[in-house]
Structures are given as structure tokens and as C-alpha cells.
Amino acid sequence: MKKCMDADNLHRRLAKIMGQIKAIDRMVDDDVPCEDVLSQISAAKSALNKAGQVILEGHIHHCIKDAVEQGDDAEIENFTKAIERFANMQ
């Protein structure tokens, strides 16, 4: 997996997301207004979605490109299923 993406970039994004989740948890304890909590949840979801996009882009540029060149239909089918699962996350 590391060969097909910028792992450092992804680790930074995931660390930020974990910080956002911890902040949301603190907001609940601090009795922050619901609208503010929902806004932070939306921001965390967007950040997680972007992390998924980074993974998809790297996978397309490396693994899927190689699979197409080699005629690896199984890898392409697996990728199609992964995209469907990712799209259903939205």
C-alpha cells in the first residue's frame, strides 16, 4: 500500500482527523451547543472523505494502472467494488 500513495501525507491527515474526533468528544462533555458539534462532525467527515480520495488517487495511478497494463481483471473488479463501498460512505 505504501508504494501507491504518499504515506506521510496520509498519516498527517489521519492525525488531524483523530484530533478532530477527540475535540468533538470533549465538546460533548463541555456542553457545547449541538449546532457546533454537528459542524465539527461535518468537518471530520469531510477530512475523512479527503483521506479516502488520496488513497483512491494513489491506487489508480499505481496499482490500477499496472493492472490495466497487465490485463488483471480481478484487480480491476476488486477496485470497482472498493469504489462502490467508498461512494456509499458519503
C-alpha atoms as a PDB file:
ATOM      1  CA  MET A   1       0.000   0.000   0.000  1.00  0.00           C
ATOM      2  CA  LYS A   2       2.833   2.432   0.782  1.00  0.00           C
ATOM      3  CA  LYS A   3       4.123   2.221  -2.780  1.00  0.00           C
ATOM      4  CA  CYS A   4       0.935   3.640  -4.245  1.00  0.00           C
ATOM      5  CA  MET A   5       0.446   6.700  -2.051  1.00  0.00           C
ATOM      6  CA  ASP A   6       2.099   9.442  -0.086  1.00  0.00           C
ATOM      7  CA  ALA A   7       2.039   7.724   3.308  1.00  0.00           C
ATOM      8  CA  ASP A   8       3.368  10.789   5.151  1.00  0.00           C
ATOM      9  CA  ASN A   9       0.544  12.909   3.748  1.00  0.00           C
ATOM     10  CA  LEU A  10      -1.997  10.286   4.739  1.00  0.00           C
ATOM     11  CA  HIS A  11      -0.569   9.961   8.269  1.00  0.00           C
ATOM     12  CA  ARG A  12      -0.799  13.752   8.724  1.00  0.00           C
ATOM     13  CA  ARG A  13      -4.407  13.741   7.556  1.00  0.00           C
ATOM     14  CA  LEU A  14      -5.338  10.853   9.845  1.00  0.00           C
ATOM     15  CA  ALA A  15      -3.660  12.507  12.846  1.00  0.00           C
ATOM     16  CA  LYS A  16      -5.681  15.649  12.171  1.00  0.00           C
ATOM     17  CA  ILE A  17      -8.881  13.609  11.926  1.00  0.00           C
ATOM     18  CA  MET A  18      -8.127  11.869  15.222  1.00  0.00           C
ATOM     19  CA  GLY A  19      -7.624  15.287  16.804  1.00  0.00           C
ATOM     20  CA  GLN A  20     -10.959  16.447  15.420  1.00  0.00           C
ATOM     21  CA  ILE A  21     -12.719  13.376  16.838  1.00  0.00           C
ATOM     22  CA  LYS A  22     -11.149  13.912  20.266  1.00  0.00           C
ATOM     23  CA  ALA A  23     -12.235  17.561  20.137  1.00  0.00           C
ATOM     24  CA  ILE A  24     -15.795  16.502  19.308  1.00  0.00           C
ATOM     25  CA  ASP A  25     -15.764  14.145  22.271  1.00  0.00           C
ATOM     26  CA  ARG A  26     -14.607  16.999  24.550  1.00  0.00           C
ATOM     27  CA  MET A  27     -17.325  19.248  23.114  1.00  0.00           C
ATOM     28  CA  VAL A  28     -19.956  16.782  24.313  1.00  0.00           C
ATOM     29  CA  ASP A  29     -18.519  16.867  27.847  1.00  0.00           C
ATOM     30  CA  ASP A  30     -18.226  20.677  27.751  1.00  0.00           C
ATOM     31  CA  ASP A  31     -21.912  21.057  26.862  1.00  0.00           C
ATOM     32  CA  VAL A  32     -21.141  22.853  23.595  1.00  0.00           C
ATOM     33  CA  PRO A  33     -24.244  23.755  21.540  1.00  0.00           C
ATOM     34  CA  CYS A  34     -25.450  20.958  19.258  1.00  0.00           C
ATOM     35  CA  GLU A  35     -25.009  23.098  16.142  1.00  0.00           C
ATOM     36  CA  ASP A  36     -21.301  23.485  16.889  1.00  0.00           C
ATOM     37  CA  VAL A  37     -20.858  19.765  17.493  1.00  0.00           C
ATOM     38  CA  LEU A  38     -22.626  18.963  14.224  1.00  0.00           C
ATOM     39  CA  SER A  39     -20.413  21.443  12.402  1.00  0.00           C
ATOM     40  CA  GLN A  40     -17.296  19.728  13.733  1.00  0.00           C
ATOM     41  CA  ILE A  41     -18.664  16.302  12.812  1.00  0.00           C
ATOM     42  CA  SER A  42     -19.208  17.576   9.280  1.00  0.00           C
ATOM     43  CA  ALA A  43     -15.623  18.849   9.137  1.00  0.00           C
ATOM     44  CA  ALA A  44     -14.286  15.480  10.358  1.00  0.00           C
ATOM     45  CA  LYS A  45     -16.367  13.623   7.765  1.00  0.00           C
ATOM     46  CA  SER A  46     -15.016  15.883   5.026  1.00  0.00           C
ATOM     47  CA  ALA A  47     -11.453  15.290   6.182  1.00  0.00           C
ATOM     48  CA  LEU A  48     -12.005  11.530   6.259  1.00  0.00           C
ATOM     49  CA  ASN A  49     -13.520  11.652   2.786  1.00  0.00           C
ATOM     50  CA  LYS A  50     -10.464  13.539   1.504  1.00  0.00           C
ATOM     51  CA  ALA A  51      -8.169  10.918   3.055  1.00  0.00           C
ATOM     52  CA  GLY A  52     -10.107   8.275   1.117  1.00  0.00           C
ATOM     53  CA  GLN A  53      -9.688  10.284  -2.068  1.00  0.00           C
ATOM     54  CA  VAL A  54      -5.924  10.425  -1.516  1.00  0.00           C
ATOM     55  CA  ILE A  55      -5.859   6.630  -1.227  1.00  0.00           C
ATOM     56  CA  LEU A  56      -8.038   6.172  -4.323  1.00  0.00           C
ATOM     57  CA  GLU A  57      -5.912   8.516  -6.417  1.00  0.00           C
ATOM     58  CA  GLY A  58      -2.696   6.765  -5.438  1.00  0.00           C
ATOM     59  CA  HIS A  59      -4.219   3.367  -6.097  1.00  0.00           C
ATOM     60  CA  ILE A  60      -5.414   4.440  -9.547  1.00  0.00           C
ATOM     61  CA  HIS A  61      -2.063   5.921 -10.553  1.00  0.00           C
ATOM     62  CA  HIS A  62      -0.070   2.878  -9.500  1.00  0.00           C
ATOM     63  CA  CYS A  63      -1.920  -0.371  -8.827  1.00  0.00           C
ATOM     64  CA  ILE A  64      -4.801   0.031 -11.252  1.00  0.00           C
ATOM     65  CA  LYS A  65      -2.568   1.408 -13.987  1.00  0.00           C
ATOM     66  CA  ASP A  66      -0.399  -1.706 -13.629  1.00  0.00           C
ATOM     67  CA  ALA A  67      -3.465  -3.979 -13.542  1.00  0.00           C
ATOM     68  CA  VAL A  68      -4.813  -2.483 -16.776  1.00  0.00           C
ATOM     69  CA  GLU A  69      -1.430  -2.835 -18.494  1.00  0.00           C
ATOM     70  CA  GLN A  70      -1.193  -6.479 -17.365  1.00  0.00           C
ATOM     71  CA  GLY A  71      -4.852  -7.295 -18.079  1.00  0.00           C
ATOM     72  CA  ASP A  72      -5.522  -8.168 -14.432  1.00  0.00           C
ATOM     73  CA  ASP A  73      -9.324  -8.228 -14.497  1.00  0.00           C
ATOM     74  CA  ALA A  74      -9.574  -9.485 -10.897  1.00  0.00           C
ATOM     75  CA  GLU A  75      -7.708  -6.447  -9.543  1.00  0.00           C
ATOM     76  CA  ILE A  76      -9.883  -4.121 -11.603  1.00  0.00           C
ATOM     77  CA  GLU A  77     -13.030  -5.848 -10.297  1.00  0.00           C
ATOM     78  CA  ASN A  78     -11.793  -5.529  -6.692  1.00  0.00           C
ATOM     79  CA  PHE A  79     -11.158  -1.843  -7.273  1.00  0.00           C
ATOM     80  CA  THR A  80     -14.652  -1.366  -8.688  1.00  0.00           C
ATOM     81  CA  LYS A  81     -16.111  -2.886  -5.512  1.00  0.00           C
ATOM     82  CA  ALA A  82     -13.891  -0.663  -3.350  1.00  0.00           C
ATOM     83  CA  ILE A  83     -15.112   2.445  -5.182  1.00  0.00           C
ATOM     84  CA  GLU A  84     -18.729   1.367  -4.646  1.00  0.00           C
ATOM     85  CA  ARG A  85     -18.120   0.935  -0.899  1.00  0.00           C
ATOM     86  CA  PHE A  86     -16.347   4.302  -0.710  1.00  0.00           C
ATOM     87  CA  ALA A  87     -19.151   6.034  -2.614  1.00  0.00           C
ATOM     88  CA  ASN A  88     -21.730   4.587  -0.208  1.00  0.00           C
ATOM     89  CA  MET A  89     -19.831   6.215   2.678  1.00  0.00           C
ATOM     90  CA  GLN A  90     -20.901   9.632   1.537  1.00  0.00           C
END
